[in-house]
Amino acid sequence: MPASTLSGTRTTLAAAFNSLAATRYAYVTELPIPTAIFIVPSSLYLEQQLLSKSTIKVKANFTITAIVQYNSNPASLDNLEQLIMGILAAIPAGYVVGNVERPTPLEVGASTMLTADINVSTTYTQTN
């Protein structure tokens, strides 16, 4: 389903994860509560494909960050892997999956979480 706005490409992606047992965000919050999925612009964010007076076509790159509570290494890693596989299965048509980065501990306040980034992209076209 094509998005009608550039920010809509993130919200469309976030909506695809409604069936997963995780809080979904199309932006970064101050205090993530695991289990969570964040969809944020990646670096490179927009790659030019076509620029004309009437059409702008870009490849939009996003990072999906999967976050779980980090309690014990084996259980946390298994929880993260299950979340990643659920995310990959739910990616909607029109989005291309790139690499999945290695799991990394993240400390936010007194909480430690285990995270992994999934790189995805889609083509967005705006007509004037």
N, C-alpha and C. Protein backbone atom coordinates (compact mmCIF):
# COMPACT_ATOMS: atom_id res chain seq x y z
N MET A 1 0.85 -1.18 0.00
CA MET A 1 0.00 0.00 0.00
C MET A 1 0.89 1.24 0.00
N PRO A 2 0.85 2.06 -1.03
CA PRO A 2 1.69 3.25 -1.08
C PRO A 2 1.25 4.27 -0.04
N ALA A 3 2.22 4.96 0.54
CA ALA A 3 1.92 6.01 1.51
C ALA A 3 1.69 7.32 0.78
N SER A 4 0.80 8.16 1.31
CA SER A 4 0.49 9.43 0.65
C SER A 4 1.42 10.55 1.11
N THR A 5 2.18 10.33 2.19
CA THR A 5 3.17 11.30 2.66
C THR A 5 4.44 10.55 3.02
N LEU A 6 5.54 11.28 3.11
CA LEU A 6 6.80 10.64 3.47
C LEU A 6 6.72 10.06 4.87
N SER A 7 6.14 10.79 5.83
CA SER A 7 5.99 10.23 7.18
C SER A 7 5.05 9.02 7.18
N GLY A 8 4.15 8.98 6.19
CA GLY A 8 3.25 7.84 6.07
C GLY A 8 3.97 6.55 5.76
N THR A 9 5.17 6.63 5.17
CA THR A 9 5.93 5.41 4.91
C THR A 9 6.34 4.74 6.22
N ARG A 10 6.61 5.54 7.26
CA ARG A 10 6.95 4.99 8.58
C ARG A 10 5.71 4.46 9.28
N THR A 11 4.61 5.21 9.24
CA THR A 11 3.40 4.76 9.94
C THR A 11 2.80 3.53 9.27
N THR A 12 2.92 3.43 7.95
CA THR A 12 2.49 2.21 7.25
C THR A 12 3.29 1.02 7.73
N LEU A 13 4.59 1.21 7.87
CA LEU A 13 5.46 0.15 8.34
C LEU A 13 5.13 -0.22 9.78
N ALA A 14 4.91 0.77 10.64
CA ALA A 14 4.56 0.51 12.04
C ALA A 14 3.24 -0.25 12.14
N ALA A 15 2.27 0.10 11.32
CA ALA A 15 0.97 -0.57 11.34
C ALA A 15 1.08 -2.04 10.95
N ALA A 16 2.08 -2.38 10.16
CA ALA A 16 2.25 -3.77 9.74
C ALA A 16 2.60 -4.68 10.92
N PHE A 17 3.06 -4.08 12.01
CA PHE A 17 3.48 -4.87 13.17
C PHE A 17 2.40 -4.93 14.26
N ASN A 18 1.16 -4.56 13.93
CA ASN A 18 0.07 -4.55 14.91
C ASN A 18 -0.16 -5.91 15.56
N SER A 19 0.10 -6.99 14.85
CA SER A 19 -0.16 -8.32 15.40
C SER A 19 0.95 -8.80 16.34
N LEU A 20 2.06 -8.09 16.41
CA LEU A 20 3.16 -8.50 17.28
C LEU A 20 2.95 -7.97 18.69
N ALA A 21 3.41 -8.74 19.67
CA ALA A 21 3.26 -8.35 21.08
C ALA A 21 4.36 -7.36 21.44
N ALA A 22 4.27 -6.16 20.86
CA ALA A 22 5.26 -5.12 21.11
C ALA A 22 4.60 -3.76 20.88
N THR A 23 5.08 -2.75 21.59
CA THR A 23 4.64 -1.38 21.35
C THR A 23 5.35 -0.88 20.12
N ARG A 24 4.62 -0.25 19.20
CA ARG A 24 5.19 0.22 17.96
C ARG A 24 5.26 1.74 17.95
N TYR A 25 6.39 2.26 17.46
CA TYR A 25 6.58 3.70 17.38
C TYR A 25 7.12 4.05 16.00
N ALA A 26 6.57 5.11 15.39
CA ALA A 26 7.10 5.62 14.13
C ALA A 26 8.03 6.80 14.42
N TYR A 27 8.53 6.88 15.64
CA TYR A 27 9.43 7.93 16.10
C TYR A 27 10.13 7.41 17.36
N VAL A 28 11.13 8.12 17.84
CA VAL A 28 11.85 7.72 19.04
C VAL A 28 11.24 8.41 20.25
N THR A 29 10.97 7.64 21.31
CA THR A 29 10.45 8.21 22.55
C THR A 29 11.59 8.36 23.55
N GLU A 30 11.36 9.13 24.60
CA GLU A 30 12.40 9.33 25.61
C GLU A 30 12.68 8.06 26.39
N LEU A 31 11.65 7.31 26.73
CA LEU A 31 11.81 6.14 27.59
C LEU A 31 11.11 4.95 26.96
N PRO A 32 11.85 4.14 26.19
CA PRO A 32 11.21 2.96 25.59
C PRO A 32 10.86 1.93 26.65
N ILE A 33 9.72 1.30 26.49
CA ILE A 33 9.30 0.24 27.40
C ILE A 33 9.31 -1.05 26.60
N PRO A 34 10.23 -1.97 26.94
CA PRO A 34 10.31 -3.23 26.17
C PRO A 34 9.06 -4.05 26.38
N THR A 35 8.67 -4.76 25.50
CA THR A 35 9.11 -5.07 24.16
C THR A 35 8.59 -3.98 23.22
N ALA A 36 9.50 -3.44 22.36
CA ALA A 36 9.13 -2.31 21.53
C ALA A 36 9.78 -2.42 20.16
N ILE A 37 9.16 -1.72 19.20
CA ILE A 37 9.67 -1.63 17.84
C ILE A 37 9.67 -0.16 17.46
N PHE A 38 10.84 0.35 17.05
CA PHE A 38 10.96 1.73 16.61
C PHE A 38 11.27 1.76 15.12
N ILE A 39 10.63 2.66 14.39
CA ILE A 39 10.92 2.87 12.98
C ILE A 39 11.39 4.31 12.84
N VAL A 40 12.66 4.48 12.47
CA VAL A 40 13.24 5.82 12.35
C VAL A 40 14.01 5.94 11.04
N PRO A 41 14.20 7.17 10.56
CA PRO A 41 15.02 7.36 9.37
C PRO A 41 16.43 6.82 9.59
N SER A 42 16.97 6.24 8.54
CA SER A 42 18.31 5.67 8.58
C SER A 42 19.29 6.66 7.98
N SER A 43 20.53 6.27 7.95
CA SER A 43 21.56 7.07 7.30
C SER A 43 22.13 6.22 6.17
N LEU A 44 21.98 6.58 5.07
CA LEU A 44 21.39 7.64 4.30
C LEU A 44 19.87 7.55 4.43
N TYR A 45 19.23 8.68 4.62
CA TYR A 45 17.78 8.67 4.79
C TYR A 45 17.07 8.64 3.44
N LEU A 46 17.33 9.64 2.60
CA LEU A 46 16.68 9.72 1.29
C LEU A 46 17.73 9.68 0.19
N GLU A 47 17.53 8.79 -0.76
CA GLU A 47 18.42 8.70 -1.92
C GLU A 47 17.63 9.11 -3.15
N GLN A 48 18.12 10.12 -3.82
CA GLN A 48 17.44 10.67 -4.99
C GLN A 48 17.38 9.64 -6.11
N GLN A 49 16.17 9.47 -6.67
CA GLN A 49 16.00 8.61 -7.84
C GLN A 49 15.50 9.41 -9.03
N LEU A 50 14.63 10.41 -8.76
CA LEU A 50 14.11 11.25 -9.84
C LEU A 50 13.69 12.59 -9.25
N LEU A 51 14.15 13.65 -9.87
CA LEU A 51 13.73 15.00 -9.50
C LEU A 51 13.30 15.72 -10.76
N SER A 52 12.06 16.17 -10.78
CA SER A 52 11.57 16.99 -11.89
C SER A 52 10.62 18.02 -11.31
N LYS A 53 10.12 18.89 -12.15
CA LYS A 53 9.21 19.92 -11.65
C LYS A 53 7.92 19.33 -11.12
N SER A 54 7.52 18.17 -11.61
CA SER A 54 6.24 17.59 -11.20
C SER A 54 6.37 16.34 -10.33
N THR A 55 7.55 15.74 -10.27
CA THR A 55 7.69 14.48 -9.54
C THR A 55 9.01 14.44 -8.77
N ILE A 56 8.90 14.00 -7.54
CA ILE A 56 10.09 13.70 -6.73
C ILE A 56 9.98 12.24 -6.33
N LYS A 57 10.99 11.46 -6.68
CA LYS A 57 11.01 10.04 -6.35
C LYS A 57 12.29 9.76 -5.59
N VAL A 58 12.15 9.20 -4.38
CA VAL A 58 13.31 8.92 -3.54
C VAL A 58 13.22 7.51 -2.98
N LYS A 59 14.37 6.96 -2.69
CA LYS A 59 14.44 5.72 -1.92
C LYS A 59 14.58 6.15 -0.47
N ALA A 60 13.60 5.79 0.35
CA ALA A 60 13.60 6.14 1.77
C ALA A 60 14.11 4.95 2.58
N ASN A 61 15.17 5.20 3.34
CA ASN A 61 15.80 4.15 4.14
C ASN A 61 15.43 4.33 5.61
N PHE A 62 15.07 3.22 6.26
CA PHE A 62 14.66 3.25 7.66
C PHE A 62 15.43 2.20 8.45
N THR A 63 15.53 2.47 9.74
CA THR A 63 16.05 1.49 10.68
C THR A 63 14.91 1.09 11.59
N ILE A 64 14.64 -0.21 11.64
CA ILE A 64 13.67 -0.74 12.59
C ILE A 64 14.50 -1.28 13.75
N THR A 65 14.28 -0.73 14.93
CA THR A 65 15.01 -1.20 16.11
C THR A 65 14.07 -2.06 16.95
N ALA A 66 14.47 -3.31 17.14
CA ALA A 66 13.73 -4.25 17.99
C ALA A 66 14.34 -4.19 19.39
N ILE A 67 13.49 -4.05 20.40
CA ILE A 67 13.97 -3.91 21.79
C ILE A 67 13.24 -4.89 22.69
N VAL A 68 14.02 -5.62 23.50
CA VAL A 68 13.46 -6.51 24.52
C VAL A 68 14.18 -6.24 25.84
N GLN A 69 13.56 -6.69 26.92
CA GLN A 69 14.18 -6.56 28.24
C GLN A 69 15.41 -7.46 28.30
N TYR A 70 16.47 -6.98 28.91
CA TYR A 70 17.72 -7.74 29.00
C TYR A 70 17.86 -8.27 30.42
N ASN A 71 17.40 -9.52 30.62
CA ASN A 71 17.45 -10.14 31.94
C ASN A 71 18.58 -11.16 32.03
N SER A 72 18.50 -12.19 31.24
CA SER A 72 19.57 -13.19 31.19
C SER A 72 19.93 -13.37 29.73
N ASN A 73 21.18 -13.53 29.43
CA ASN A 73 21.62 -13.57 28.05
C ASN A 73 20.87 -14.56 27.18
N PRO A 74 20.75 -15.86 27.54
CA PRO A 74 20.05 -16.79 26.64
C PRO A 74 18.58 -16.44 26.42
N ALA A 75 17.86 -16.10 27.47
CA ALA A 75 16.43 -15.79 27.33
C ALA A 75 16.23 -14.49 26.56
N SER A 76 17.02 -13.48 26.85
CA SER A 76 16.87 -12.20 26.16
C SER A 76 17.19 -12.33 24.69
N LEU A 77 18.25 -13.06 24.37
CA LEU A 77 18.61 -13.25 22.98
C LEU A 77 17.51 -14.02 22.24
N ASP A 78 16.95 -15.04 22.88
CA ASP A 78 15.85 -15.78 22.26
C ASP A 78 14.65 -14.87 22.04
N ASN A 79 14.30 -14.05 23.02
CA ASN A 79 13.17 -13.11 22.87
C ASN A 79 13.42 -12.14 21.73
N LEU A 80 14.66 -11.63 21.62
CA LEU A 80 14.99 -10.69 20.55
C LEU A 80 14.90 -11.37 19.19
N GLU A 81 15.42 -12.59 19.10
CA GLU A 81 15.36 -13.31 17.83
C GLU A 81 13.92 -13.60 17.41
N GLN A 82 13.07 -13.93 18.36
CA GLN A 82 11.66 -14.16 18.04
C GLN A 82 11.00 -12.88 17.54
N LEU A 83 11.32 -11.75 18.19
CA LEU A 83 10.77 -10.47 17.76
C LEU A 83 11.26 -10.12 16.36
N ILE A 84 12.54 -10.33 16.09
CA ILE A 84 13.10 -10.05 14.76
C ILE A 84 12.40 -10.89 13.70
N MET A 85 12.21 -12.16 13.96
CA MET A 85 11.57 -13.03 12.98
C MET A 85 10.11 -12.61 12.75
N GLY A 86 9.43 -12.17 13.80
CA GLY A 86 8.06 -11.66 13.65
C GLY A 86 8.03 -10.40 12.80
N ILE A 87 9.01 -9.51 13.02
CA ILE A 87 9.10 -8.28 12.23
C ILE A 87 9.33 -8.62 10.76
N LEU A 88 10.29 -9.51 10.50
CA LEU A 88 10.61 -9.87 9.12
C LEU A 88 9.40 -10.47 8.42
N ALA A 89 8.64 -11.29 9.13
CA ALA A 89 7.46 -11.92 8.53
C ALA A 89 6.36 -10.90 8.24
N ALA A 90 6.34 -9.79 8.98
CA ALA A 90 5.26 -8.80 8.85
C ALA A 90 5.59 -7.65 7.91
N ILE A 91 6.81 -7.59 7.40
CA ILE A 91 7.18 -6.48 6.51
C ILE A 91 6.21 -6.46 5.31
N PRO A 92 5.57 -5.32 5.07
CA PRO A 92 4.59 -5.27 3.97
C PRO A 92 5.25 -5.24 2.60
N ALA A 93 4.47 -5.54 1.59
CA ALA A 93 4.94 -5.46 0.20
C ALA A 93 5.38 -4.03 -0.08
N GLY A 94 6.41 -3.89 -0.88
CA GLY A 94 6.90 -2.57 -1.24
C GLY A 94 8.08 -2.12 -0.40
N TYR A 95 8.41 -2.87 0.64
CA TYR A 95 9.56 -2.58 1.49
C TYR A 95 10.60 -3.66 1.28
N VAL A 96 11.86 -3.26 1.17
CA VAL A 96 12.95 -4.19 0.93
C VAL A 96 13.77 -4.30 2.21
N VAL A 97 14.01 -5.53 2.66
CA VAL A 97 14.78 -5.76 3.89
C VAL A 97 16.25 -5.86 3.55
N GLY A 98 17.06 -5.15 4.32
CA GLY A 98 18.52 -5.22 4.19
C GLY A 98 19.08 -6.09 5.29
N ASN A 99 20.16 -5.65 5.89
CA ASN A 99 20.84 -6.41 6.94
C ASN A 99 20.14 -6.28 8.29
N VAL A 100 20.34 -7.30 9.12
CA VAL A 100 19.95 -7.24 10.53
C VAL A 100 21.26 -7.15 11.31
N GLU A 101 21.39 -6.08 12.09
CA GLU A 101 22.63 -5.84 12.84
C GLU A 101 22.70 -6.72 14.09
N ARG A 102 23.87 -6.88 14.65
CA ARG A 102 24.07 -7.73 15.83
C ARG A 102 23.35 -7.17 17.05
N PRO A 103 22.95 -8.05 17.96
CA PRO A 103 22.32 -7.60 19.22
C PRO A 103 23.30 -6.78 20.05
N THR A 104 22.76 -5.72 20.66
CA THR A 104 23.58 -4.81 21.46
C THR A 104 22.81 -4.41 22.71
N PRO A 105 23.46 -4.46 23.88
CA PRO A 105 22.81 -3.96 25.09
C PRO A 105 22.65 -2.44 25.03
N LEU A 106 21.56 -1.94 25.58
CA LEU A 106 21.28 -0.51 25.63
C LEU A 106 20.83 -0.17 27.03
N GLU A 107 21.47 0.81 27.65
CA GLU A 107 21.07 1.26 28.99
C GLU A 107 20.31 2.56 28.88
N VAL A 108 19.10 2.57 29.44
CA VAL A 108 18.27 3.76 29.49
C VAL A 108 17.85 3.90 30.94
N GLY A 109 18.39 4.92 31.62
CA GLY A 109 18.12 5.07 33.05
C GLY A 109 18.65 3.86 33.79
N ALA A 110 17.80 3.24 34.61
CA ALA A 110 18.20 2.06 35.37
C ALA A 110 17.91 0.76 34.63
N SER A 111 17.37 0.85 33.43
CA SER A 111 16.99 -0.35 32.66
C SER A 111 18.04 -0.70 31.62
N THR A 112 18.27 -2.00 31.48
CA THR A 112 19.12 -2.48 30.39
C THR A 112 18.25 -3.28 29.44
N MET A 113 18.39 -2.98 28.15
CA MET A 113 17.61 -3.62 27.12
C MET A 113 18.56 -4.23 26.09
N LEU A 114 18.05 -5.20 25.34
CA LEU A 114 18.80 -5.79 24.25
C LEU A 114 18.14 -5.34 22.95
N THR A 115 18.94 -4.82 22.03
CA THR A 115 18.39 -4.27 20.79
C THR A 115 19.10 -4.83 19.57
N ALA A 116 18.43 -4.76 18.44
CA ALA A 116 19.03 -5.07 17.15
C ALA A 116 18.33 -4.21 16.10
N ASP A 117 19.09 -3.77 15.13
CA ASP A 117 18.56 -2.93 14.06
C ASP A 117 18.36 -3.74 12.79
N ILE A 118 17.24 -3.48 12.13
CA ILE A 118 16.90 -4.09 10.84
C ILE A 118 16.80 -2.95 9.84
N ASN A 119 17.54 -3.06 8.75
CA ASN A 119 17.54 -2.01 7.73
C ASN A 119 16.51 -2.34 6.66
N VAL A 120 15.63 -1.37 6.36
CA VAL A 120 14.63 -1.54 5.31
C VAL A 120 14.58 -0.28 4.46
N SER A 121 14.04 -0.42 3.26
CA SER A 121 13.87 0.74 2.39
C SER A 121 12.61 0.57 1.55
N THR A 122 12.15 1.69 1.04
CA THR A 122 11.00 1.70 0.15
C THR A 122 11.15 2.88 -0.80
N THR A 123 10.42 2.85 -1.88
CA THR A 123 10.43 3.97 -2.82
C THR A 123 9.22 4.85 -2.54
N TYR A 124 9.46 6.14 -2.43
CA TYR A 124 8.39 7.11 -2.19
C TYR A 124 8.36 8.09 -3.36
N THR A 125 7.18 8.32 -3.90
CA THR A 125 7.01 9.26 -5.01
C THR A 125 6.03 10.35 -4.61
N GLN A 126 6.45 11.60 -4.79
CA GLN A 126 5.56 12.74 -4.53
C GLN A 126 5.36 13.47 -5.85
N THR A 127 4.11 13.70 -6.17
CA THR A 127 3.81 14.46 -7.39
C THR A 127 3.21 15.80 -7.02
N ASN A 128 3.56 16.80 -7.77
CA ASN A 128 3.06 18.16 -7.50
C ASN A 128 1.98 18.54 -8.47
